[in-house]
N, C-alpha and C. Protein backbone atom coordinates (compact mmCIF):
# COMPACT_ATOMS: atom_id res chain seq x y z
N UNK A 1 47.46 -21.06 10.44
CA UNK A 1 46.14 -21.62 10.50
C UNK A 1 45.06 -20.61 10.10
N UNK A 2 45.34 -19.35 10.37
CA UNK A 2 44.38 -18.30 10.00
C UNK A 2 44.32 -18.24 8.55
N UNK A 3 45.32 -18.40 7.79
CA UNK A 3 45.23 -18.38 6.26
C UNK A 3 44.27 -19.50 5.78
N UNK A 4 44.31 -20.73 6.41
CA UNK A 4 43.45 -21.86 5.90
C UNK A 4 42.03 -21.55 6.28
N UNK A 5 41.74 -20.93 7.43
CA UNK A 5 40.34 -20.57 7.74
C UNK A 5 39.84 -19.51 6.84
N UNK A 6 40.68 -18.49 6.36
CA UNK A 6 40.31 -17.53 5.51
C UNK A 6 40.06 -18.12 4.17
N UNK A 7 40.90 -19.00 3.69
CA UNK A 7 40.74 -19.64 2.39
C UNK A 7 39.38 -20.52 2.36
N UNK A 8 39.12 -21.19 3.42
CA UNK A 8 37.89 -22.00 3.50
C UNK A 8 36.65 -21.10 3.45
N UNK A 9 36.75 -19.93 4.15
CA UNK A 9 35.64 -18.96 4.20
C UNK A 9 35.39 -18.44 2.87
N UNK A 10 36.46 -18.17 2.06
CA UNK A 10 36.34 -17.70 0.67
C UNK A 10 35.77 -18.80 -0.24
N UNK A 11 36.22 -20.01 -0.05
CA UNK A 11 35.72 -21.13 -0.85
C UNK A 11 34.18 -21.37 -0.57
N UNK A 12 33.84 -21.28 0.66
CA UNK A 12 32.55 -21.56 1.05
C UNK A 12 31.53 -20.20 1.12
N UNK A 13 31.87 -19.17 0.42
CA UNK A 13 31.26 -17.93 0.39
C UNK A 13 29.85 -18.11 -0.16
N UNK A 14 29.64 -19.15 -0.94
CA UNK A 14 28.28 -19.47 -1.52
C UNK A 14 27.35 -20.14 -0.58
N UNK A 15 27.80 -20.40 0.70
CA UNK A 15 26.99 -21.12 1.56
C UNK A 15 25.80 -20.22 2.12
N UNK A 16 24.73 -20.78 2.45
CA UNK A 16 23.58 -20.00 2.89
C UNK A 16 23.76 -19.35 4.16
N UNK A 17 23.19 -18.12 4.39
CA UNK A 17 23.26 -17.34 5.73
C UNK A 17 22.35 -18.10 6.68
N UNK A 18 21.13 -18.48 6.19
CA UNK A 18 20.25 -19.35 6.97
C UNK A 18 19.44 -20.18 6.05
N UNK A 19 18.78 -21.20 6.62
CA UNK A 19 18.08 -22.14 5.81
C UNK A 19 16.69 -22.28 6.34
N UNK A 20 15.72 -22.41 5.49
CA UNK A 20 14.35 -22.54 5.92
C UNK A 20 13.91 -23.88 5.48
N UNK A 21 12.84 -24.32 6.04
CA UNK A 21 12.31 -25.65 5.67
C UNK A 21 11.60 -25.71 4.37
N UNK A 22 11.49 -26.82 3.72
CA UNK A 22 10.75 -26.98 2.51
C UNK A 22 9.32 -26.45 2.67
N UNK A 23 8.71 -26.80 3.74
CA UNK A 23 7.33 -26.26 4.04
C UNK A 23 7.33 -24.82 4.03
N UNK A 24 8.25 -24.09 4.62
CA UNK A 24 8.27 -22.64 4.70
C UNK A 24 8.42 -22.06 3.38
N UNK A 25 9.24 -22.65 2.58
CA UNK A 25 9.48 -22.20 1.12
C UNK A 25 8.18 -22.24 0.38
N UNK A 26 7.55 -23.40 0.45
CA UNK A 26 6.31 -23.66 -0.19
C UNK A 26 5.19 -22.76 0.23
N UNK A 27 5.01 -22.70 1.57
CA UNK A 27 3.95 -21.81 2.12
C UNK A 27 4.08 -20.39 1.70
N UNK A 28 5.34 -19.82 1.79
CA UNK A 28 5.59 -18.43 1.50
C UNK A 28 5.66 -18.15 0.05
N UNK A 29 5.90 -19.12 -0.73
CA UNK A 29 6.19 -18.90 -2.19
C UNK A 29 7.49 -18.25 -2.47
N UNK A 30 8.33 -17.99 -1.45
CA UNK A 30 9.65 -17.48 -1.61
C UNK A 30 10.62 -18.59 -1.77
N UNK A 31 11.14 -18.80 -3.00
CA UNK A 31 12.07 -19.94 -3.25
C UNK A 31 13.53 -19.50 -3.29
N UNK A 32 13.82 -18.42 -2.45
CA UNK A 32 15.12 -17.93 -2.51
C UNK A 32 15.86 -18.04 -1.19
N UNK A 33 17.20 -17.91 -1.22
CA UNK A 33 17.95 -17.89 0.01
C UNK A 33 19.20 -16.93 -0.24
N UNK A 34 19.69 -16.41 0.81
CA UNK A 34 20.92 -15.47 0.69
C UNK A 34 22.15 -16.25 1.09
N UNK A 35 23.15 -15.88 0.42
CA UNK A 35 24.52 -16.58 0.63
C UNK A 35 25.45 -15.56 1.42
N UNK A 36 26.39 -16.16 1.98
CA UNK A 36 27.35 -15.31 2.81
C UNK A 36 28.04 -14.21 2.07
N UNK A 37 28.17 -14.37 0.69
CA UNK A 37 28.85 -13.39 -0.08
C UNK A 37 27.81 -12.37 -0.62
N UNK A 38 26.54 -12.39 -0.11
CA UNK A 38 25.59 -11.41 -0.45
C UNK A 38 24.58 -11.73 -1.62
N UNK A 39 24.86 -12.77 -2.27
CA UNK A 39 23.97 -13.19 -3.52
C UNK A 39 22.68 -13.74 -2.95
N UNK A 40 21.71 -13.66 -3.94
CA UNK A 40 20.42 -14.32 -3.69
C UNK A 40 20.36 -15.44 -4.71
N UNK A 41 20.10 -16.65 -4.16
CA UNK A 41 19.95 -17.92 -5.07
C UNK A 41 18.57 -18.30 -5.00
N UNK A 42 18.09 -18.90 -6.12
CA UNK A 42 16.64 -19.28 -6.15
C UNK A 42 16.51 -20.77 -6.69
N UNK A 43 15.70 -21.40 -5.92
CA UNK A 43 15.31 -22.85 -6.24
C UNK A 43 14.35 -22.78 -7.41
N UNK A 44 14.50 -23.75 -8.23
CA UNK A 44 13.49 -23.87 -9.40
C UNK A 44 12.22 -24.52 -8.89
N UNK A 45 11.14 -24.21 -9.49
CA UNK A 45 9.88 -24.91 -9.19
C UNK A 45 10.00 -26.41 -9.42
N UNK A 46 10.79 -26.86 -10.31
CA UNK A 46 10.99 -28.32 -10.52
C UNK A 46 11.75 -28.86 -9.41
N UNK A 47 12.76 -28.28 -8.76
CA UNK A 47 13.40 -28.75 -7.66
C UNK A 47 12.45 -28.88 -6.50
N UNK A 48 11.69 -27.85 -6.17
CA UNK A 48 10.78 -27.87 -5.04
C UNK A 48 9.65 -28.98 -5.28
N UNK A 49 9.22 -29.08 -6.59
CA UNK A 49 8.26 -30.11 -6.89
C UNK A 49 8.77 -31.47 -6.65
N UNK A 50 10.02 -31.80 -6.98
CA UNK A 50 10.66 -33.02 -6.88
C UNK A 50 10.79 -33.38 -5.39
N UNK A 51 11.22 -32.36 -4.60
CA UNK A 51 11.37 -32.65 -3.13
C UNK A 51 9.99 -32.83 -2.49
N UNK A 52 8.92 -32.07 -2.89
CA UNK A 52 7.63 -32.32 -2.30
C UNK A 52 7.11 -33.66 -2.66
N UNK A 53 7.46 -34.12 -3.83
CA UNK A 53 6.98 -35.40 -4.28
C UNK A 53 7.54 -36.61 -3.48
N UNK A 54 8.76 -36.46 -3.09
CA UNK A 54 9.47 -37.64 -2.36
C UNK A 54 9.44 -37.50 -0.90
N UNK A 55 9.12 -36.32 -0.41
CA UNK A 55 9.13 -36.11 1.08
C UNK A 55 7.83 -36.52 1.69
N UNK A 56 7.90 -37.07 2.85
CA UNK A 56 6.73 -37.27 3.66
C UNK A 56 6.24 -35.95 4.19
N UNK A 57 5.03 -35.82 4.78
CA UNK A 57 4.60 -34.50 5.33
C UNK A 57 5.48 -34.08 6.43
N UNK A 58 6.00 -34.98 7.22
CA UNK A 58 6.86 -34.69 8.36
C UNK A 58 8.27 -34.19 7.85
N UNK A 59 8.76 -34.77 6.80
CA UNK A 59 10.00 -34.33 6.19
C UNK A 59 9.92 -32.98 5.62
N UNK A 60 8.73 -32.62 5.09
CA UNK A 60 8.51 -31.26 4.51
C UNK A 60 8.77 -30.20 5.55
N UNK A 61 8.33 -30.56 6.81
CA UNK A 61 8.47 -29.54 7.93
C UNK A 61 9.89 -29.59 8.65
N UNK A 62 10.61 -30.67 8.26
CA UNK A 62 12.01 -30.76 8.87
C UNK A 62 13.13 -30.57 7.94
N UNK A 63 12.89 -30.74 6.65
CA UNK A 63 14.02 -30.58 5.68
C UNK A 63 14.33 -29.16 5.38
N UNK A 64 15.60 -28.82 5.75
CA UNK A 64 16.08 -27.39 5.66
C UNK A 64 16.79 -27.31 4.30
N UNK A 65 16.53 -26.31 3.56
CA UNK A 65 17.09 -26.09 2.20
C UNK A 65 18.00 -24.83 2.24
N UNK A 66 19.10 -24.85 1.45
CA UNK A 66 19.53 -25.87 0.61
C UNK A 66 20.12 -27.07 1.38
N UNK A 67 20.14 -28.29 0.78
CA UNK A 67 20.88 -29.36 1.29
C UNK A 67 22.43 -29.04 1.39
N UNK A 68 22.99 -29.42 2.44
CA UNK A 68 24.35 -29.19 2.57
C UNK A 68 25.23 -30.41 2.41
N UNK A 69 25.93 -30.54 1.30
CA UNK A 69 26.79 -31.59 1.01
C UNK A 69 28.21 -31.17 1.41
N UNK A 70 28.91 -31.97 2.28
CA UNK A 70 30.22 -31.58 2.73
C UNK A 70 31.24 -32.58 2.36
N UNK A 71 32.53 -32.10 2.21
CA UNK A 71 33.61 -33.00 1.96
C UNK A 71 33.73 -33.85 3.24
N UNK A 72 34.15 -35.11 3.03
CA UNK A 72 34.36 -36.02 4.16
C UNK A 72 35.90 -36.46 4.09
N UNK A 73 36.72 -35.84 4.99
CA UNK A 73 38.05 -36.11 4.93
C UNK A 73 38.51 -37.45 5.68
N UNK A 74 37.53 -38.14 6.20
CA UNK A 74 37.86 -39.33 6.97
C UNK A 74 38.24 -40.51 6.01
N UNK A 75 38.00 -40.36 4.67
CA UNK A 75 38.34 -41.28 3.74
C UNK A 75 39.55 -40.86 2.80
N UNK A 76 40.21 -41.85 2.31
CA UNK A 76 41.42 -41.54 1.45
C UNK A 76 40.94 -41.04 0.09
N UNK A 77 39.78 -41.68 -0.42
CA UNK A 77 39.34 -41.13 -1.67
C UNK A 77 38.25 -40.07 -1.59
N UNK A 78 38.00 -39.34 -2.60
CA UNK A 78 37.00 -38.27 -2.64
C UNK A 78 35.62 -38.77 -2.17
N UNK A 79 35.23 -38.26 -0.98
CA UNK A 79 33.91 -38.64 -0.46
C UNK A 79 33.27 -37.42 -0.01
N UNK A 80 31.89 -37.38 -0.18
CA UNK A 80 31.20 -36.28 0.33
C UNK A 80 30.09 -36.92 1.36
N UNK A 81 29.55 -36.09 2.08
CA UNK A 81 28.56 -36.57 3.09
C UNK A 81 27.45 -35.56 3.23
N UNK A 82 26.26 -36.14 3.59
CA UNK A 82 25.16 -35.35 4.06
C UNK A 82 24.74 -35.77 5.40
N UNK A 83 24.73 -34.95 6.26
CA UNK A 83 24.33 -35.26 7.65
C UNK A 83 22.91 -34.82 8.07
N UNK A 84 22.34 -35.44 8.96
CA UNK A 84 21.05 -35.10 9.44
C UNK A 84 20.10 -36.25 9.05
N UNK A 85 19.19 -36.68 10.05
CA UNK A 85 18.25 -37.73 9.76
C UNK A 85 17.36 -37.42 8.51
N UNK A 86 16.75 -36.28 8.49
CA UNK A 86 15.81 -35.99 7.42
C UNK A 86 16.66 -35.74 6.10
N UNK A 87 17.69 -35.14 6.13
CA UNK A 87 18.59 -34.84 5.02
C UNK A 87 19.07 -36.18 4.38
N UNK A 88 19.56 -37.05 5.23
CA UNK A 88 20.11 -38.33 4.66
C UNK A 88 18.90 -39.16 4.13
N UNK A 89 17.74 -39.10 4.72
CA UNK A 89 16.62 -39.90 4.23
C UNK A 89 16.22 -39.34 2.83
N UNK A 90 16.16 -38.09 2.75
CA UNK A 90 15.67 -37.46 1.39
C UNK A 90 16.72 -37.76 0.33
N UNK A 91 17.99 -37.54 0.67
CA UNK A 91 18.99 -37.76 -0.38
C UNK A 91 19.01 -39.27 -0.74
N UNK A 92 18.85 -40.16 0.27
CA UNK A 92 18.67 -41.50 -0.09
C UNK A 92 17.66 -41.92 -1.08
N UNK A 93 16.49 -41.30 -0.93
CA UNK A 93 15.34 -41.49 -1.89
C UNK A 93 15.71 -40.89 -3.19
N UNK A 94 16.38 -39.72 -3.21
CA UNK A 94 16.71 -39.08 -4.45
C UNK A 94 17.67 -39.96 -5.36
N UNK A 95 18.64 -40.54 -4.74
CA UNK A 95 19.72 -41.19 -5.51
C UNK A 95 19.75 -42.68 -5.38
N UNK A 96 18.66 -43.16 -4.67
CA UNK A 96 18.55 -44.63 -4.46
C UNK A 96 19.80 -45.26 -3.89
N UNK A 97 20.24 -44.65 -2.80
CA UNK A 97 21.39 -45.23 -2.13
C UNK A 97 21.11 -45.20 -0.61
N UNK A 98 21.41 -46.37 0.08
CA UNK A 98 21.09 -46.38 1.51
C UNK A 98 22.07 -45.59 2.28
N UNK A 99 21.61 -44.92 3.31
CA UNK A 99 22.50 -44.21 4.30
C UNK A 99 23.33 -45.18 5.07
N UNK A 100 24.52 -44.85 5.54
CA UNK A 100 25.29 -45.73 6.45
C UNK A 100 24.77 -45.73 7.82
N UNK A 101 24.09 -44.57 8.20
CA UNK A 101 23.45 -44.48 9.46
C UNK A 101 22.09 -43.67 9.30
N UNK A 102 21.34 -43.69 10.21
CA UNK A 102 19.98 -42.82 10.07
C UNK A 102 20.25 -41.36 9.77
N UNK A 103 21.45 -40.90 10.17
CA UNK A 103 21.68 -39.51 10.06
C UNK A 103 22.95 -39.17 9.14
N UNK A 104 23.35 -40.12 8.37
CA UNK A 104 24.48 -39.88 7.49
C UNK A 104 24.57 -40.75 6.21
N UNK A 105 24.75 -40.02 5.14
CA UNK A 105 24.85 -40.82 3.88
C UNK A 105 26.10 -40.27 3.21
N UNK A 106 26.93 -41.26 2.71
CA UNK A 106 28.08 -40.89 1.97
C UNK A 106 27.84 -40.91 0.47
N UNK A 107 28.40 -39.88 -0.20
CA UNK A 107 28.34 -39.80 -1.65
C UNK A 107 29.65 -39.89 -2.27
N UNK A 108 29.72 -40.61 -3.40
CA UNK A 108 30.90 -40.63 -4.12
C UNK A 108 30.60 -39.86 -5.37
N UNK A 109 31.52 -39.61 -6.29
CA UNK A 109 31.37 -38.67 -7.36
C UNK A 109 30.17 -38.97 -8.23
N UNK A 110 29.86 -40.12 -8.59
CA UNK A 110 28.66 -40.42 -9.44
C UNK A 110 27.40 -40.01 -8.69
N UNK A 111 27.37 -40.23 -7.37
CA UNK A 111 26.15 -39.88 -6.57
C UNK A 111 26.08 -38.30 -6.51
N UNK A 112 27.19 -37.70 -6.24
CA UNK A 112 27.20 -36.20 -6.19
C UNK A 112 26.70 -35.58 -7.54
N UNK A 113 27.17 -36.10 -8.63
CA UNK A 113 26.77 -35.55 -9.94
C UNK A 113 25.22 -35.78 -10.05
N UNK A 114 24.72 -37.00 -9.75
CA UNK A 114 23.31 -37.18 -9.90
C UNK A 114 22.49 -36.25 -8.98
N UNK A 115 22.99 -36.06 -7.75
CA UNK A 115 22.18 -35.10 -6.86
C UNK A 115 22.26 -33.66 -7.39
N UNK A 116 23.42 -33.30 -7.97
CA UNK A 116 23.55 -31.95 -8.52
C UNK A 116 22.69 -31.87 -9.80
N UNK A 117 22.52 -32.84 -10.50
CA UNK A 117 21.79 -32.82 -11.76
C UNK A 117 20.26 -32.58 -11.41
N UNK A 118 19.86 -33.27 -10.34
CA UNK A 118 18.44 -33.24 -9.90
C UNK A 118 18.17 -31.94 -9.15
N UNK A 119 19.12 -31.48 -8.31
CA UNK A 119 18.92 -30.38 -7.46
C UNK A 119 20.05 -29.28 -7.66
N UNK A 120 20.19 -28.73 -8.85
CA UNK A 120 21.31 -27.79 -9.07
C UNK A 120 21.43 -26.61 -8.18
N UNK A 121 20.24 -26.09 -7.76
CA UNK A 121 20.33 -25.00 -6.83
C UNK A 121 19.93 -25.35 -5.39
N UNK A 122 19.36 -26.50 -5.16
CA UNK A 122 18.92 -26.87 -3.81
C UNK A 122 19.93 -27.78 -3.03
N UNK A 123 21.05 -28.04 -3.67
CA UNK A 123 22.13 -28.79 -3.01
C UNK A 123 23.45 -27.98 -3.14
N UNK A 124 24.01 -27.64 -2.04
CA UNK A 124 25.21 -26.84 -1.96
C UNK A 124 26.44 -27.64 -1.52
N UNK A 125 27.48 -27.64 -2.21
CA UNK A 125 28.74 -28.36 -1.78
C UNK A 125 29.62 -27.49 -1.09
N UNK A 126 30.01 -27.91 0.16
CA UNK A 126 30.86 -27.16 1.09
C UNK A 126 32.12 -27.96 1.26
N UNK A 127 33.26 -27.17 1.45
CA UNK A 127 34.52 -27.87 1.71
C UNK A 127 34.85 -27.54 3.22
N UNK A 128 34.93 -28.68 3.93
CA UNK A 128 35.28 -28.68 5.40
C UNK A 128 36.48 -29.53 5.65
N UNK A 129 37.35 -29.08 6.53
CA UNK A 129 38.51 -29.82 6.84
C UNK A 129 38.28 -31.06 7.64
């Protein structure tokens, strides 16, 4: 089991160390985040602009970036999920797909590609068992 945990840690080395809100990024002007493997990633101004455009004022203070898209192993086919009330709401607006619950939206491959096209640096795909 330890080997699997080590493998997942390696696969998810690009995950953020911490996440700040959209409002914090905008207010500070710092559009970067650090990853577990020590890299610094930067959101584009277009990504931040798109998010600011679709988010309510409340969502700007609650949405943590980058968005975390995770594998969902509860389905037999390839499915991803975004959890969190604010995150699901924002992703729903971005890809025009209704969440299955207030705090959960499922994504299939076309949805994931669309999200990654819109937010190449602001949406991180993680693999979870």
